[in-house]
Amino acid sequence: MGLFGLASYSSEVRRKEIGIRKVVGATVTDIMILMNKEFVKLVSLSMLIAFPLAYYFMNNWLENFTYRIDLGWITFVVSGMLTILITLITVGYHALNASLSNPTISLKEE
């Protein structure tokens, strides 16, 4: 929900910038890449911080059980890919709505 709200707020704040870019000649794909790039960087940075901490604490927690299991790297790869996919879908939805809107309306209002 936080990512959805942040993407919504970001696309609303940058609506005038997106309108100017469209008038100058940017395509929908260019605008979507521009908006997705920021969020993917932020999510990747958060995963770089969270994964080692999660591995450490989960490994310590799992050692307390009678039947122990090893925590594999595949868990973190799959969760990272799913997180990036959810980020791309969420931000892509807002970027698509912002880039398909009429640029004259966003540039006219002040």
C-alpha atoms as a PDB file:
ATOM      1  CA  MET A   1       0.000   0.000   0.000  1.00  0.00           C
ATOM      2  CA  GLY A   2       2.875   2.351   0.709  1.00  0.00           C
ATOM      3  CA  LEU A   3       4.390   1.768  -2.710  1.00  0.00           C
ATOM      4  CA  PHE A   4       1.010   2.337  -4.345  1.00  0.00           C
ATOM      5  CA  GLY A   5       0.539   5.615  -2.482  1.00  0.00           C
ATOM      6  CA  LEU A   6       4.069   6.805  -3.168  1.00  0.00           C
ATOM      7  CA  ALA A   7       3.765   6.011  -6.880  1.00  0.00           C
ATOM      8  CA  SER A   8       0.410   7.779  -7.017  1.00  0.00           C
ATOM      9  CA  TYR A   9       1.796  10.851  -5.287  1.00  0.00           C
ATOM     10  CA  SER A  10       4.901  10.887  -7.469  1.00  0.00           C
ATOM     11  CA  SER A  11       2.921  10.674 -10.697  1.00  0.00           C
ATOM     12  CA  GLU A  12       0.568  13.435  -9.529  1.00  0.00           C
ATOM     13  CA  VAL A  13       3.418  15.752  -8.557  1.00  0.00           C
ATOM     14  CA  ARG A  14       5.266  15.102 -11.824  1.00  0.00           C
ATOM     15  CA  ARG A  15       2.187  15.396 -14.059  1.00  0.00           C
ATOM     16  CA  LYS A  16       3.319  18.781 -15.434  1.00  0.00           C
ATOM     17  CA  GLU A  17       6.817  17.417 -16.141  1.00  0.00           C
ATOM     18  CA  ILE A  18       5.292  14.431 -17.919  1.00  0.00           C
ATOM     19  CA  GLY A  19       3.102  16.780 -19.970  1.00  0.00           C
ATOM     20  CA  ILE A  20       6.136  18.823 -21.038  1.00  0.00           C
ATOM     21  CA  ARG A  21       8.040  15.662 -21.959  1.00  0.00           C
ATOM     22  CA  LYS A  22       5.103  14.454 -24.076  1.00  0.00           C
ATOM     23  CA  VAL A  23       4.851  17.786 -25.900  1.00  0.00           C
ATOM     24  CA  VAL A  24       8.579  17.677 -26.626  1.00  0.00           C
ATOM     25  CA  GLY A  25       8.225  14.173 -28.062  1.00  0.00           C
ATOM     26  CA  ALA A  26       8.682  11.545 -25.384  1.00  0.00           C
ATOM     27  CA  THR A  27       6.840   8.292 -25.915  1.00  0.00           C
ATOM     28  CA  VAL A  28       4.789   6.408 -23.346  1.00  0.00           C
ATOM     29  CA  THR A  29       7.622   3.896 -23.032  1.00  0.00           C
ATOM     30  CA  ASP A  30      10.154   6.653 -22.271  1.00  0.00           C
ATOM     31  CA  ILE A  31       7.971   8.045 -19.513  1.00  0.00           C
ATOM     32  CA  MET A  32       7.332   4.619 -18.009  1.00  0.00           C
ATOM     33  CA  ILE A  33      11.053   3.809 -17.991  1.00  0.00           C
ATOM     34  CA  LEU A  34      11.814   7.184 -16.399  1.00  0.00           C
ATOM     35  CA  MET A  35       9.373   6.638 -13.532  1.00  0.00           C
ATOM     36  CA  ASN A  36      10.124   2.928 -13.037  1.00  0.00           C
ATOM     37  CA  LYS A  37      13.872   3.515 -12.890  1.00  0.00           C
ATOM     38  CA  GLU A  38      13.645   5.588  -9.690  1.00  0.00           C
ATOM     39  CA  PHE A  39      11.498   3.116  -7.836  1.00  0.00           C
ATOM     40  CA  VAL A  40      13.513   0.083  -8.901  1.00  0.00           C
ATOM     41  CA  LYS A  41      16.661   1.776  -7.578  1.00  0.00           C
ATOM     42  CA  LEU A  42      14.993   2.446  -4.225  1.00  0.00           C
ATOM     43  CA  VAL A  43      13.589  -1.073  -3.924  1.00  0.00           C
ATOM     44  CA  SER A  44      16.946  -2.599  -4.893  1.00  0.00           C
ATOM     45  CA  LEU A  45      18.719  -0.530  -2.253  1.00  0.00           C
ATOM     46  CA  SER A  46      16.218  -1.610   0.372  1.00  0.00           C
ATOM     47  CA  MET A  47      16.719  -5.257  -0.610  1.00  0.00           C
ATOM     48  CA  LEU A  48      20.503  -4.868  -0.309  1.00  0.00           C
ATOM     49  CA  ILE A  49      20.003  -3.665   3.239  1.00  0.00           C
ATOM     50  CA  ALA A  50      17.230  -6.099   4.211  1.00  0.00           C
ATOM     51  CA  PHE A  51      18.502  -9.407   2.810  1.00  0.00           C
ATOM     52  CA  PRO A  52      21.663  -9.745   4.940  1.00  0.00           C
ATOM     53  CA  LEU A  53      19.745  -8.744   8.063  1.00  0.00           C
ATOM     54  CA  ALA A  54      16.939 -11.163   7.256  1.00  0.00           C
ATOM     55  CA  TYR A  55      19.418 -13.960   6.616  1.00  0.00           C
ATOM     56  CA  TYR A  56      21.163 -13.363   9.935  1.00  0.00           C
ATOM     57  CA  PHE A  57      18.017 -13.207  12.049  1.00  0.00           C
ATOM     58  CA  MET A  58      16.188 -16.017  10.246  1.00  0.00           C
ATOM     59  CA  ASN A  59      19.226 -18.274  10.482  1.00  0.00           C
ATOM     60  CA  ASN A  60      19.488 -17.667  14.234  1.00  0.00           C
ATOM     61  CA  TRP A  61      15.773 -18.282  14.670  1.00  0.00           C
ATOM     62  CA  LEU A  62      15.817 -21.515  12.653  1.00  0.00           C
ATOM     63  CA  GLU A  63      18.716 -22.914  14.717  1.00  0.00           C
ATOM     64  CA  ASN A  64      16.445 -23.151  17.771  1.00  0.00           C
ATOM     65  CA  PHE A  65      14.236 -25.832  16.225  1.00  0.00           C
ATOM     66  CA  THR A  66      14.797 -29.565  16.654  1.00  0.00           C
ATOM     67  CA  TYR A  67      14.582 -30.256  12.935  1.00  0.00           C
ATOM     68  CA  ARG A  68      16.849 -27.708  11.357  1.00  0.00           C
ATOM     69  CA  ILE A  69      16.693 -26.544   7.781  1.00  0.00           C
ATOM     70  CA  ASP A  70      19.208 -24.542   5.817  1.00  0.00           C
ATOM     71  CA  LEU A  71      18.213 -21.166   4.531  1.00  0.00           C
ATOM     72  CA  GLY A  72      19.063 -21.132   0.829  1.00  0.00           C
ATOM     73  CA  TRP A  73      19.846 -18.234  -1.419  1.00  0.00           C
ATOM     74  CA  ILE A  74      16.983 -19.185  -3.739  1.00  0.00           C
ATOM     75  CA  THR A  75      14.512 -17.830  -1.157  1.00  0.00           C
ATOM     76  CA  PHE A  76      16.019 -14.385  -1.408  1.00  0.00           C
ATOM     77  CA  VAL A  77      16.286 -14.484  -5.205  1.00  0.00           C
ATOM     78  CA  VAL A  78      12.621 -15.408  -5.629  1.00  0.00           C
ATOM     79  CA  SER A  79      11.439 -12.844  -3.099  1.00  0.00           C
ATOM     80  CA  GLY A  80      13.604 -10.170  -4.743  1.00  0.00           C
ATOM     81  CA  MET A  81      12.220 -10.950  -8.183  1.00  0.00           C
ATOM     82  CA  LEU A  82       8.651 -10.866  -6.881  1.00  0.00           C
ATOM     83  CA  THR A  83       9.298  -7.556  -5.165  1.00  0.00           C
ATOM     84  CA  ILE A  84      10.721  -6.019  -8.331  1.00  0.00           C
ATOM     85  CA  LEU A  85       7.777  -7.384 -10.350  1.00  0.00           C
ATOM     86  CA  ILE A  86       5.237  -5.890  -7.934  1.00  0.00           C
ATOM     87  CA  THR A  87       7.123  -2.599  -8.069  1.00  0.00           C
ATOM     88  CA  LEU A  88       7.101  -2.547 -11.869  1.00  0.00           C
ATOM     89  CA  ILE A  89       3.387  -3.334 -12.026  1.00  0.00           C
ATOM     90  CA  THR A  90       2.424  -0.763  -9.408  1.00  0.00           C
ATOM     91  CA  VAL A  91       4.544   2.091 -10.705  1.00  0.00           C
ATOM     92  CA  GLY A  92       3.818   1.116 -14.303  1.00  0.00           C
ATOM     93  CA  TYR A  93       0.095   1.498 -13.685  1.00  0.00           C
ATOM     94  CA  HIS A  94       0.490   5.059 -12.427  1.00  0.00           C
ATOM     95  CA  ALA A  95       3.060   5.950 -15.065  1.00  0.00           C
ATOM     96  CA  LEU A  96       0.758   4.648 -17.789  1.00  0.00           C
ATOM     97  CA  ASN A  97      -2.161   6.696 -16.488  1.00  0.00           C
ATOM     98  CA  ALA A  98      -0.009   9.819 -16.294  1.00  0.00           C
ATOM     99  CA  SER A  99       1.526   9.334 -19.721  1.00  0.00           C
ATOM    100  CA  LEU A 100      -1.771   8.628 -21.471  1.00  0.00           C
ATOM    101  CA  SER A 101      -3.447  11.739 -20.111  1.00  0.00           C
ATOM    102  CA  ASN A 102      -3.810  14.824 -22.268  1.00  0.00           C
ATOM    103  CA  PRO A 103      -0.731  17.044 -21.766  1.00  0.00           C
ATOM    104  CA  THR A 104      -2.653  20.259 -22.465  1.00  0.00           C
ATOM    105  CA  ILE A 105      -4.826  19.724 -19.386  1.00  0.00           C
ATOM    106  CA  SER A 106      -1.850  19.212 -17.095  1.00  0.00           C
ATOM    107  CA  LEU A 107       0.007  22.217 -18.559  1.00  0.00           C
ATOM    108  CA  LYS A 108      -3.030  24.516 -18.513  1.00  0.00           C
ATOM    109  CA  GLU A 109      -3.880  24.192 -14.826  1.00  0.00           C
ATOM    110  CA  GLU A 110      -1.831  26.177 -12.368  1.00  0.00           C
END
